[in-house]
Amino acid sequence: MLTMGASDRPTVVFLHGFMGSGADWLDVARDLQPDFRCLMPDLPGHDGLPFYSDVSGNGFEAYASALWQRLEPELPPRFALVGYSLGGRLALHLACRHPERLQFLVLESAHPGLSDAGERERRALADAAWAQRFRSGLWPDVLETWYRQPVFASLSAEQRRECVARRAGHSPEAMATVLDIASLARQPDHWQDLPRLPFPIGFLTGSLDSRFRAVGERMARLVPDLALLQVDGLGHDCHTFAPQAVAEFIRRLCSAKHDRP
């Protein structure tokens, strides 16, 4: 696990997105120095290690539990969580399971969960089809197609090539397994949990990401004191292309007042 900062500083845990790595957060962590201790783990399946025997096939809860088992020995009694996309979904799930441990939570382009059964079924079918492509297709070609999905439409051709190059070292079988067990379709619906969380919450996405702008706006209606940031000119991934803006948002959340019980 990548670590930056002194052990006596407030701890922030950064969880990367699907097919990412802990190193994706290094620029944000550098901007937060020397005021924070930053922990940047690789998610299970992304670190080249086998899955725990109780994870494969058992769904999102087991995947999140495996991550918690790896993290918890490194954590102080109170810490903050920041997560992007899949990492944000995991961060929210862990925050709901361990609310007494969190100081604040920042979600970047992360979905709280699907409430509609039909939407959940459609997402399950779509993710299963992608997992099959991961297992059977030519890996560079599959990655190229993955990053041409509408959610990544703001990427330039050069940025898309950089994304493909960064992700090419992952095992397609491992990524397919992660998609099988950590799909949004398998994630609990945490929308109604959000107003009950007893710490400051922030949500950020790019102004060009219409889907997650709508998620953030819906979240703000549920959580009146939510800190909401839309980074101009960016899409789904802000921490890669605007690390200073993301770091400043985290600093603001760290000092936020929060009156909810």
Protein backbone atom coordinates (compact mmCIF):
# COMPACT_ATOMS: atom_id res chain seq x y z
CA MET A 1 0.00 0.00 0.00
CA LEU A 2 1.35 3.40 -0.95
CA THR A 3 1.71 5.74 2.03
CA MET A 4 2.59 9.43 2.16
CA GLY A 5 2.82 11.73 5.18
CA ALA A 6 3.66 11.50 8.85
CA SER A 7 1.84 9.06 11.13
CA ASP A 8 0.75 11.86 13.50
CA ARG A 9 -1.25 13.62 10.77
CA PRO A 10 -4.98 13.01 10.05
CA THR A 11 -5.33 9.87 7.94
CA VAL A 12 -7.11 9.85 4.58
CA VAL A 13 -7.66 6.56 2.72
CA PHE A 14 -7.97 6.85 -1.06
CA LEU A 15 -9.78 4.12 -3.01
CA HIS A 16 -9.22 4.03 -6.77
CA GLY A 17 -11.67 3.11 -9.51
CA PHE A 18 -12.17 -0.09 -11.49
CA MET A 19 -8.95 -1.10 -13.28
CA GLY A 20 -7.01 1.61 -11.44
CA SER A 21 -4.32 1.46 -8.76
CA GLY A 22 -3.40 3.27 -5.57
CA ALA A 23 -0.86 5.27 -7.54
CA ASP A 24 -3.74 7.04 -9.31
CA TRP A 25 -4.04 9.24 -6.19
CA LEU A 26 -0.39 10.27 -5.87
CA ASP A 27 -0.83 13.78 -7.31
CA VAL A 28 -3.71 14.50 -4.93
CA ALA A 29 -1.69 13.13 -2.00
CA ARG A 30 1.27 15.34 -2.89
CA ASP A 31 -0.97 18.40 -2.82
CA LEU A 32 -2.22 17.43 0.64
CA GLN A 33 1.26 17.32 2.14
CA PRO A 34 2.40 17.87 4.84
CA ASP A 35 -0.98 18.11 6.55
CA PHE A 36 -2.31 14.58 6.01
CA ARG A 37 -1.22 10.96 6.13
CA CYS A 38 -2.45 9.46 2.85
CA LEU A 39 -3.00 5.71 2.38
CA MET A 40 -3.46 4.54 -1.21
CA PRO A 41 -4.14 0.79 -1.41
CA ASP A 42 -4.69 -1.30 -4.50
CA LEU A 43 -8.17 -2.82 -4.39
CA PRO A 44 -8.49 -6.62 -4.24
CA GLY A 45 -7.95 -8.11 -7.69
CA HIS A 46 -5.93 -5.08 -8.77
CA ASP A 47 -2.82 -5.91 -6.74
CA GLY A 48 -1.72 -9.12 -8.45
CA LEU A 49 -2.66 -11.17 -5.38
CA PRO A 50 -5.26 -13.97 -5.33
CA PHE A 51 -8.70 -13.15 -4.00
CA TYR A 52 -9.49 -14.32 -0.51
CA SER A 53 -11.26 -17.67 -0.71
CA ASP A 54 -14.47 -16.18 0.71
CA VAL A 55 -14.70 -13.39 -1.89
CA SER A 56 -15.05 -14.95 -5.35
CA GLY A 57 -18.69 -15.48 -6.21
CA ASN A 58 -20.05 -14.03 -2.95
CA GLY A 59 -20.75 -10.53 -4.16
CA PHE A 60 -20.18 -6.94 -3.17
CA GLU A 61 -20.44 -7.35 0.61
CA ALA A 62 -17.67 -9.97 0.67
CA TYR A 63 -15.48 -7.87 -1.63
CA ALA A 64 -15.87 -4.84 0.65
CA SER A 65 -15.19 -7.02 3.71
CA ALA A 66 -11.99 -8.35 2.14
CA LEU A 67 -10.86 -4.77 1.52
CA TRP A 68 -11.67 -3.81 5.13
CA GLN A 69 -9.67 -6.77 6.46
CA ARG A 70 -6.64 -5.49 4.56
CA LEU A 71 -7.11 -1.87 5.59
CA GLU A 72 -8.17 -2.04 9.21
CA PRO A 73 -4.78 -2.97 10.74
CA GLU A 74 -3.29 0.21 9.21
CA LEU A 75 -6.03 2.56 10.38
CA PRO A 76 -6.22 4.88 13.40
CA PRO A 77 -9.45 5.03 15.43
CA ARG A 78 -10.76 7.85 13.19
CA PHE A 79 -9.93 8.46 9.53
CA ALA A 80 -11.38 9.85 6.30
CA LEU A 81 -12.37 7.98 3.15
CA VAL A 82 -12.11 9.28 -0.43
CA GLY A 83 -13.21 7.08 -3.32
CA TYR A 84 -13.60 7.32 -7.08
CA SER A 85 -16.20 5.33 -9.05
CA LEU A 86 -15.93 1.70 -7.80
CA GLY A 87 -13.69 3.00 -4.99
CA GLY A 88 -16.37 5.52 -4.08
CA ARG A 89 -19.04 2.83 -3.98
CA LEU A 90 -16.80 0.80 -1.67
CA ALA A 91 -16.05 3.88 0.45
CA LEU A 92 -19.76 4.58 0.93
CA HIS A 93 -20.43 0.95 1.82
CA LEU A 94 -17.63 0.90 4.40
CA ALA A 95 -18.83 4.25 5.77
CA CYS A 96 -22.30 2.77 6.29
CA ARG A 97 -20.82 -0.30 7.99
CA HIS A 98 -18.37 1.61 10.21
CA PRO A 99 -19.78 5.15 10.66
CA GLU A 100 -18.18 5.60 14.08
CA ARG A 101 -14.71 5.40 12.49
CA LEU A 102 -15.09 8.14 9.88
CA GLN A 103 -14.20 11.82 10.08
CA PHE A 104 -15.50 12.66 6.61
CA LEU A 105 -16.34 10.99 3.28
CA VAL A 106 -15.65 12.22 -0.26
CA LEU A 107 -17.22 10.47 -3.25
CA GLU A 108 -16.02 11.19 -6.78
CA SER A 109 -18.33 10.09 -9.60
CA ALA A 110 -19.68 7.25 -7.45
CA HIS A 111 -23.21 5.82 -7.45
CA PRO A 112 -24.98 5.17 -4.09
CA GLY A 113 -26.85 2.21 -5.57
CA LEU A 114 -29.73 1.14 -7.81
CA SER A 115 -33.22 1.27 -6.33
CA ASP A 116 -35.15 -0.04 -9.34
CA ALA A 117 -35.17 -3.82 -9.89
CA GLY A 118 -35.37 -3.47 -13.65
CA GLU A 119 -32.40 -1.10 -13.74
CA ARG A 120 -30.46 -3.49 -11.49
CA GLU A 121 -31.19 -6.41 -13.83
CA ARG A 122 -30.12 -4.43 -16.91
CA ARG A 123 -26.88 -3.43 -15.22
CA ALA A 124 -26.18 -7.03 -14.20
CA LEU A 125 -26.60 -8.18 -17.80
CA ALA A 126 -24.39 -5.39 -19.14
CA ASP A 127 -21.60 -6.08 -16.64
CA ALA A 128 -21.80 -9.83 -17.29
CA ALA A 129 -21.37 -9.13 -21.01
CA TRP A 130 -18.32 -6.96 -20.30
CA ALA A 131 -16.83 -9.64 -18.04
CA GLN A 132 -17.21 -12.15 -20.86
CA ARG A 133 -15.46 -9.76 -23.26
CA PHE A 134 -12.63 -9.34 -20.76
CA ARG A 135 -12.16 -13.12 -20.66
CA SER A 136 -12.42 -13.83 -24.37
CA GLY A 137 -11.27 -10.71 -26.24
CA LEU A 138 -7.88 -9.30 -27.12
CA TRP A 139 -7.03 -7.28 -24.02
CA PRO A 140 -5.76 -4.05 -25.64
CA ASP A 141 -8.78 -4.00 -27.98
CA VAL A 142 -11.18 -4.61 -25.08
CA LEU A 143 -9.60 -1.76 -23.10
CA GLU A 144 -9.86 0.56 -26.10
CA THR A 145 -13.58 -0.25 -26.38
CA TRP A 146 -14.09 0.14 -22.61
CA TYR A 147 -12.75 3.68 -22.70
CA ARG A 148 -15.07 4.58 -25.58
CA GLN A 149 -18.15 4.18 -23.40
CA PRO A 150 -20.29 7.34 -22.99
CA VAL A 151 -19.10 7.88 -19.39
CA PHE A 152 -15.57 8.47 -20.78
CA ALA A 153 -16.68 10.66 -23.69
CA SER A 154 -14.74 13.67 -22.41
CA LEU A 155 -11.39 11.90 -22.86
CA SER A 156 -9.24 13.08 -25.77
CA ALA A 157 -7.64 10.50 -28.04
CA GLU A 158 -4.33 10.97 -26.23
CA GLN A 159 -5.95 10.63 -22.81
CA ARG A 160 -7.70 7.45 -23.96
CA ARG A 161 -4.39 5.98 -25.12
CA GLU A 162 -2.84 6.84 -21.74
CA CYS A 163 -5.71 5.13 -19.91
CA VAL A 164 -5.34 1.98 -22.02
CA ALA A 165 -1.58 1.93 -21.44
CA ARG A 166 -1.98 2.33 -17.65
CA ARG A 167 -4.54 -0.47 -17.40
CA ALA A 168 -2.93 -2.95 -19.80
CA GLY A 169 -0.88 -4.57 -17.02
CA HIS A 170 -3.97 -5.86 -15.22
CA SER A 171 -5.06 -9.46 -15.59
CA PRO A 172 -8.22 -9.59 -17.73
CA GLU A 173 -9.42 -12.61 -15.74
CA ALA A 174 -8.96 -10.73 -12.45
CA MET A 175 -10.78 -7.68 -13.79
CA ALA A 176 -13.63 -9.88 -15.05
CA THR A 177 -13.92 -11.44 -11.59
CA VAL A 178 -14.00 -8.00 -9.93
CA LEU A 179 -16.75 -6.97 -12.34
CA ASP A 180 -18.69 -10.14 -11.56
CA ILE A 181 -18.65 -9.63 -7.80
CA ALA A 182 -18.49 -5.83 -7.40
CA SER A 183 -20.92 -4.74 -10.10
CA LEU A 184 -23.21 -1.84 -9.28
CA ALA A 185 -26.00 -4.40 -9.72
CA ARG A 186 -24.69 -6.29 -6.66
CA GLN A 187 -24.15 -3.23 -4.47
CA PRO A 188 -26.69 -2.48 -1.74
CA ASP A 189 -28.85 0.60 -2.28
CA HIS A 190 -27.39 3.21 0.08
CA TRP A 191 -29.47 6.23 -0.97
CA GLN A 192 -31.54 6.22 2.22
CA ASP A 193 -28.46 5.70 4.38
CA LEU A 194 -26.88 8.97 3.25
CA PRO A 195 -28.92 11.39 5.45
CA ARG A 196 -28.13 9.31 8.55
CA LEU A 197 -24.34 9.33 8.23
CA PRO A 198 -22.89 11.38 11.13
CA PHE A 199 -19.98 13.11 9.38
CA PRO A 200 -19.41 15.61 6.54
CA ILE A 201 -19.95 14.22 3.04
CA GLY A 202 -18.68 15.62 -0.23
CA PHE A 203 -19.52 14.66 -3.80
CA LEU A 204 -17.58 15.76 -6.86
CA THR A 205 -17.62 15.08 -10.56
CA GLY A 206 -16.81 16.87 -13.79
CA SER A 207 -19.19 19.34 -15.38
CA LEU A 208 -19.17 17.24 -18.58
CA ASP A 209 -20.38 14.09 -16.81
CA SER A 210 -24.14 14.58 -17.03
CA ARG A 211 -25.01 11.25 -15.42
CA PHE A 212 -23.03 11.89 -12.26
CA ARG A 213 -23.96 15.56 -12.13
CA ALA A 214 -27.51 14.26 -11.75
CA VAL A 215 -26.39 11.80 -9.05
CA GLY A 216 -24.75 14.65 -7.13
CA GLU A 217 -27.82 16.88 -7.44
CA ARG A 218 -30.09 14.07 -6.19
CA MET A 219 -27.70 13.46 -3.30
CA ALA A 220 -27.76 17.16 -2.40
CA ARG A 221 -31.56 17.02 -2.10
CA LEU A 222 -31.23 14.19 0.43
CA VAL A 223 -28.27 15.64 2.34
CA PRO A 224 -28.83 19.41 2.75
CA ASP A 225 -25.30 20.09 4.02
CA LEU A 226 -23.61 18.03 1.31
CA ALA A 227 -20.50 19.70 -0.17
CA LEU A 228 -20.92 19.51 -3.94
CA LEU A 229 -18.25 20.27 -6.55
CA GLN A 230 -18.49 20.17 -10.34
CA VAL A 231 -15.07 20.65 -11.93
CA ASP A 232 -15.41 22.73 -15.11
CA GLY A 233 -14.36 21.12 -18.38
CA LEU A 234 -13.83 17.60 -17.00
CA GLY A 235 -15.80 14.38 -17.16
CA HIS A 236 -15.92 11.28 -14.96
CA ASP A 237 -12.32 11.42 -13.67
CA CYS A 238 -11.32 14.63 -11.88
CA HIS A 239 -8.47 13.54 -9.60
CA THR A 240 -6.28 12.58 -12.57
CA PHE A 241 -6.76 15.83 -14.49
CA ALA A 242 -7.38 18.34 -11.67
CA PRO A 243 -5.60 16.97 -8.57
CA GLN A 244 -5.20 20.41 -6.98
CA ALA A 245 -8.95 21.10 -7.16
CA VAL A 246 -9.68 17.70 -5.62
CA ALA A 247 -7.09 18.22 -2.87
CA GLU A 248 -8.58 21.62 -2.02
CA PHE A 249 -12.06 20.06 -1.84
CA ILE A 250 -10.73 17.46 0.62
CA ARG A 251 -9.15 20.18 2.76
CA ARG A 252 -12.48 21.98 2.86
CA LEU A 253 -14.31 18.84 3.99
CA CYS A 254 -11.72 18.24 6.68
CA SER A 255 -12.60 21.58 8.30
CA ALA A 256 -16.36 21.35 7.70
CA LYS A 257 -18.86 21.74 10.53
CA HIS A 258 -21.51 19.03 10.67
CA ASP A 259 -24.62 19.19 12.82
CA ARG A 260 -26.51 16.06 11.87
CA PRO A 261 -26.91 13.47 14.68
